[in-house]
Structures are given as structure tokens and as C-alpha cells.
Amino acid sequence: MNPDELVKYLQDHHLYLTTAESCTAGRIVSLLAEVPHCGEVLESGYVVYSPEAKQRLLGVSLQTVEHFNLTSNEVAREMAMGALHDSPANCVIATTGLCGTEDVDGIPAGTVCFAWGFIVNRKIALFTRRHRFFGDRHRMQEDAALYALNCLPHFHQRVLAGETC
């Protein structure tokens, strides 16, 4: 699904998106911002690199970072929750990981953790996934952003079908 199709999907399903991006550095929002009328479905985008920014802006627990590492589904989940709580959006995509060519703390280069969240009937449904990308930094960021966008309808449909995380 390209960004134009995703904007249409968000419009058709009355979804208002916020993002919490670390390793994708705002690329998700940037891709959507290229689409006319994206302002109808795009609320905000947080770009948070440091653990302190994740904690200060999104409420990520330093204990979670210390226990699971910055590149973890648990941190992605807390980033998503923080963005949903701080905005009027009813859906969120969060990314955290290593869009570089070097392994860090035993985590392979190119590893990205994602979280997708939706508020439906005043309840939050969250999904996480870890995926590895290859190439240079720019390619990894682009591929991770597109992956995040492409997965959103899949997880939204799971919520509509009554599945929870």
C-alpha cells in the first residue's frame, strides 16, 4: 500500500494518526505529508531519539529501557501509548531500532521494533512486531517507514474483527 492508498484507508475508516518515531526519524510523517489532504488524517509526529526524550515526551519508563533495551517491542509499545495519551489521535505507529550498519548491544544492525495502536470504543488495542532491514541507513529508514504504513491496515482489520494484542 503506497502513502496515497494509506491516506485513503485512514479517511475511509475515520482514523486520525499520530506517530512516535525514533530510527525512522519522521520518515513516516514525511511520506504521508506528500499526499494531498493528509491533514485530514494526520494529527502529529513525535521524533524522539534519546532515552530522555522518549521518557520526557512519551512517558517511556527508564526501567523498560534498561531491562529490554531501546530496540525492543516493549519500548515501541510504551512510545505508542504515550503518543496516544498526548494527542487526540485514535491510531498510532511507533518505531525504535537500529537503522545503521553496526550491531549495538548484541542487536543486529537493521533491527526495528514497531507498535501499532488503535482506540476503538474507548479501548486501546496494541500490536508489536520486530523486523530486520538491510541496506544503507537511508534505505533502512525508507523501508521501515513503508513497512510501518503497510502493516497499519492489517492490524486495524484485526481490531475490527475483535482481536486484541
Protein backbone atom coordinates (compact mmCIF):
# COMPACT_ATOMS: atom_id res chain seq x y z
CA MET A 1 0.00 0.00 0.00
CA ASN A 2 1.53 3.32 -1.03
CA PRO A 3 1.10 6.50 1.05
CA ASP A 4 -1.79 7.70 -1.17
CA GLU A 5 -3.67 4.46 -0.55
CA LEU A 6 -2.97 4.63 3.16
CA VAL A 7 -4.33 8.18 3.42
CA LYS A 8 -7.48 6.95 1.66
CA TYR A 9 -7.68 4.00 4.06
CA LEU A 10 -7.36 6.31 7.05
CA GLN A 11 -10.06 8.61 5.62
CA ASP A 12 -12.43 5.72 4.87
CA HIS A 13 -12.06 4.34 8.38
CA HIS A 14 -12.12 7.67 10.24
CA LEU A 15 -8.66 7.17 11.65
CA TYR A 16 -6.59 10.09 12.91
CA LEU A 17 -2.91 9.15 13.08
CA THR A 18 -0.02 10.19 15.26
CA THR A 19 3.46 8.70 15.09
CA ALA A 20 6.23 8.19 17.61
CA GLU A 21 9.40 7.72 15.57
CA SER A 22 12.95 7.10 16.62
CA CYS A 23 15.02 5.29 13.99
CA THR A 24 12.71 6.34 11.13
CA ALA A 25 13.33 9.98 12.10
CA GLY A 26 9.98 11.32 10.96
CA ARG A 27 10.00 9.49 7.63
CA ILE A 28 6.52 8.03 8.22
CA VAL A 29 5.05 11.51 8.62
CA SER A 30 7.14 12.78 5.72
CA LEU A 31 5.78 10.11 3.38
CA LEU A 32 2.20 10.89 4.37
CA ALA A 33 2.75 14.66 4.14
CA GLU A 34 3.46 14.26 0.42
CA VAL A 35 -0.17 13.18 -0.11
CA PRO A 36 -2.82 15.88 -0.71
CA HIS A 37 -5.41 16.13 2.09
CA CYS A 38 -3.20 14.22 4.54
CA GLY A 39 -4.05 16.85 7.15
CA GLU A 40 -7.48 15.25 7.44
CA VAL A 41 -5.91 12.08 8.85
CA LEU A 42 -2.50 13.09 10.23
CA GLU A 43 -2.50 14.65 13.70
CA SER A 44 1.14 14.76 14.73
CA GLY A 45 4.52 13.12 14.67
CA TYR A 46 6.96 12.79 17.53
CA VAL A 47 10.62 12.25 16.67
CA VAL A 48 12.42 11.03 19.78
CA TYR A 49 15.93 9.62 19.64
CA SER A 50 17.35 9.74 23.13
CA PRO A 51 16.04 7.72 26.08
CA GLU A 52 15.48 11.04 27.87
CA ALA A 53 13.28 12.36 25.04
CA LYS A 54 11.32 9.11 24.97
CA GLN A 55 10.76 9.44 28.70
CA ARG A 56 10.03 13.18 28.75
CA LEU A 57 7.74 13.39 25.71
CA LEU A 58 6.14 9.94 25.63
CA GLY A 59 6.44 8.62 29.17
CA VAL A 60 8.67 5.66 28.30
CA SER A 61 9.93 4.16 31.54
CA LEU A 62 13.70 4.21 32.01
CA GLN A 63 13.28 0.82 33.70
CA THR A 64 11.79 -0.53 30.47
CA VAL A 65 14.75 0.83 28.51
CA GLU A 66 17.25 -0.60 31.00
CA HIS A 67 15.56 -4.00 31.15
CA PHE A 68 14.63 -4.52 27.48
CA ASN A 69 16.93 -2.08 25.58
CA LEU A 70 15.91 0.85 23.36
CA THR A 71 15.45 -1.58 20.47
CA SER A 72 12.59 -3.58 21.91
CA ASN A 73 8.91 -4.17 21.36
CA GLU A 74 8.34 -3.05 24.94
CA VAL A 75 9.80 0.40 24.27
CA ALA A 76 7.86 0.67 21.00
CA ARG A 77 4.67 -0.20 22.92
CA GLU A 78 5.29 2.49 25.55
CA MET A 79 6.10 5.03 22.84
CA ALA A 80 2.80 4.24 21.14
CA MET A 81 0.85 4.53 24.39
CA GLY A 82 2.50 7.85 25.21
CA ALA A 83 1.70 9.32 21.81
CA LEU A 84 -1.94 8.21 22.04
CA HIS A 85 -2.28 9.70 25.52
CA ASP A 86 -0.73 13.01 24.45
CA SER A 87 -2.82 13.55 21.32
CA PRO A 88 -6.42 13.36 20.13
CA ALA A 89 -5.40 10.70 17.59
CA ASN A 90 -7.17 7.34 17.56
CA CYS A 91 -4.32 5.41 15.93
CA VAL A 92 -0.55 5.40 16.26
CA ILE A 93 2.58 3.95 14.74
CA ALA A 94 5.78 3.81 16.81
CA THR A 95 9.29 2.81 15.70
CA THR A 96 12.53 2.24 17.57
CA GLY A 97 15.61 0.43 16.41
CA LEU A 98 18.90 0.41 14.55
CA CYS A 99 18.81 1.88 11.05
CA GLY A 100 22.56 1.73 10.74
CA THR A 101 25.25 -0.69 9.72
CA GLU A 102 26.64 -1.65 13.14
CA ASP A 103 25.30 -4.06 15.73
CA VAL A 104 24.61 -2.49 19.14
CA ASP A 105 24.43 -4.40 22.44
CA GLY A 106 24.15 -7.70 20.58
CA ILE A 107 21.24 -6.47 18.47
CA PRO A 108 21.84 -6.87 14.73
CA ALA A 109 22.06 -3.76 12.56
CA GLY A 110 18.80 -3.09 10.75
CA THR A 111 16.58 -4.37 13.58
CA VAL A 112 13.48 -2.23 14.05
CA CYS A 113 10.68 -2.67 16.58
CA PHE A 114 7.23 -1.40 15.73
CA ALA A 115 3.99 -0.77 17.58
CA TRP A 116 0.59 -0.03 16.07
CA GLY A 117 -2.22 1.11 18.31
CA PHE A 118 -5.90 1.90 17.88
CA ILE A 119 -8.55 3.35 20.13
CA VAL A 120 -11.86 1.64 19.46
CA ASN A 121 -14.85 2.04 21.76
CA ARG A 122 -12.58 3.77 24.30
CA LYS A 123 -10.31 0.73 24.48
CA ILE A 124 -6.73 0.59 23.23
CA ALA A 125 -5.53 -2.31 21.13
CA LEU A 126 -1.77 -2.53 20.58
CA PHE A 127 0.29 -4.78 18.33
CA THR A 128 4.07 -5.07 18.15
CA ARG A 129 6.44 -6.62 15.72
CA ARG A 130 10.20 -6.80 15.17
CA HIS A 131 11.66 -6.83 11.67
CA ARG A 132 15.14 -6.60 10.19
CA PHE A 133 16.04 -4.42 7.21
CA PHE A 134 19.14 -4.31 5.03
CA GLY A 135 20.96 -1.68 3.01
CA ASP A 136 22.34 1.72 3.87
CA ARG A 137 20.82 3.98 6.53
CA HIS A 138 18.54 5.82 4.11
CA ARG A 139 17.25 2.57 2.57
CA MET A 140 16.55 1.07 6.00
CA GLN A 141 14.66 4.18 7.18
CA GLU A 142 12.60 4.26 4.00
CA ASP A 143 11.85 0.54 4.09
CA ALA A 144 10.96 0.63 7.79
CA ALA A 145 8.62 3.60 7.27
CA LEU A 146 6.88 1.88 4.35
CA TYR A 147 6.65 -1.36 6.32
CA ALA A 148 5.01 0.50 9.21
CA LEU A 149 2.48 2.12 6.88
CA ASN A 150 1.74 -1.11 5.03
CA CYS A 151 1.05 -3.02 8.25
CA LEU A 152 -1.38 -0.47 9.68
CA PRO A 153 -4.47 -1.68 7.74
CA HIS A 154 -3.68 -5.31 8.63
CA PHE A 155 -3.65 -4.59 12.35
CA HIS A 156 -6.64 -2.27 12.11
CA GLN A 157 -8.63 -5.04 10.43
CA ARG A 158 -7.64 -7.38 13.26
CA VAL A 159 -9.05 -4.87 15.75
CA LEU A 160 -12.27 -4.60 13.76
CA ALA A 161 -12.51 -8.40 13.79
CA GLY A 162 -12.38 -8.29 17.58
CA GLU A 163 -8.79 -9.43 18.06
CA THR A 164 -6.66 -7.93 20.78
CA CYS A 165 -2.91 -7.92 21.17
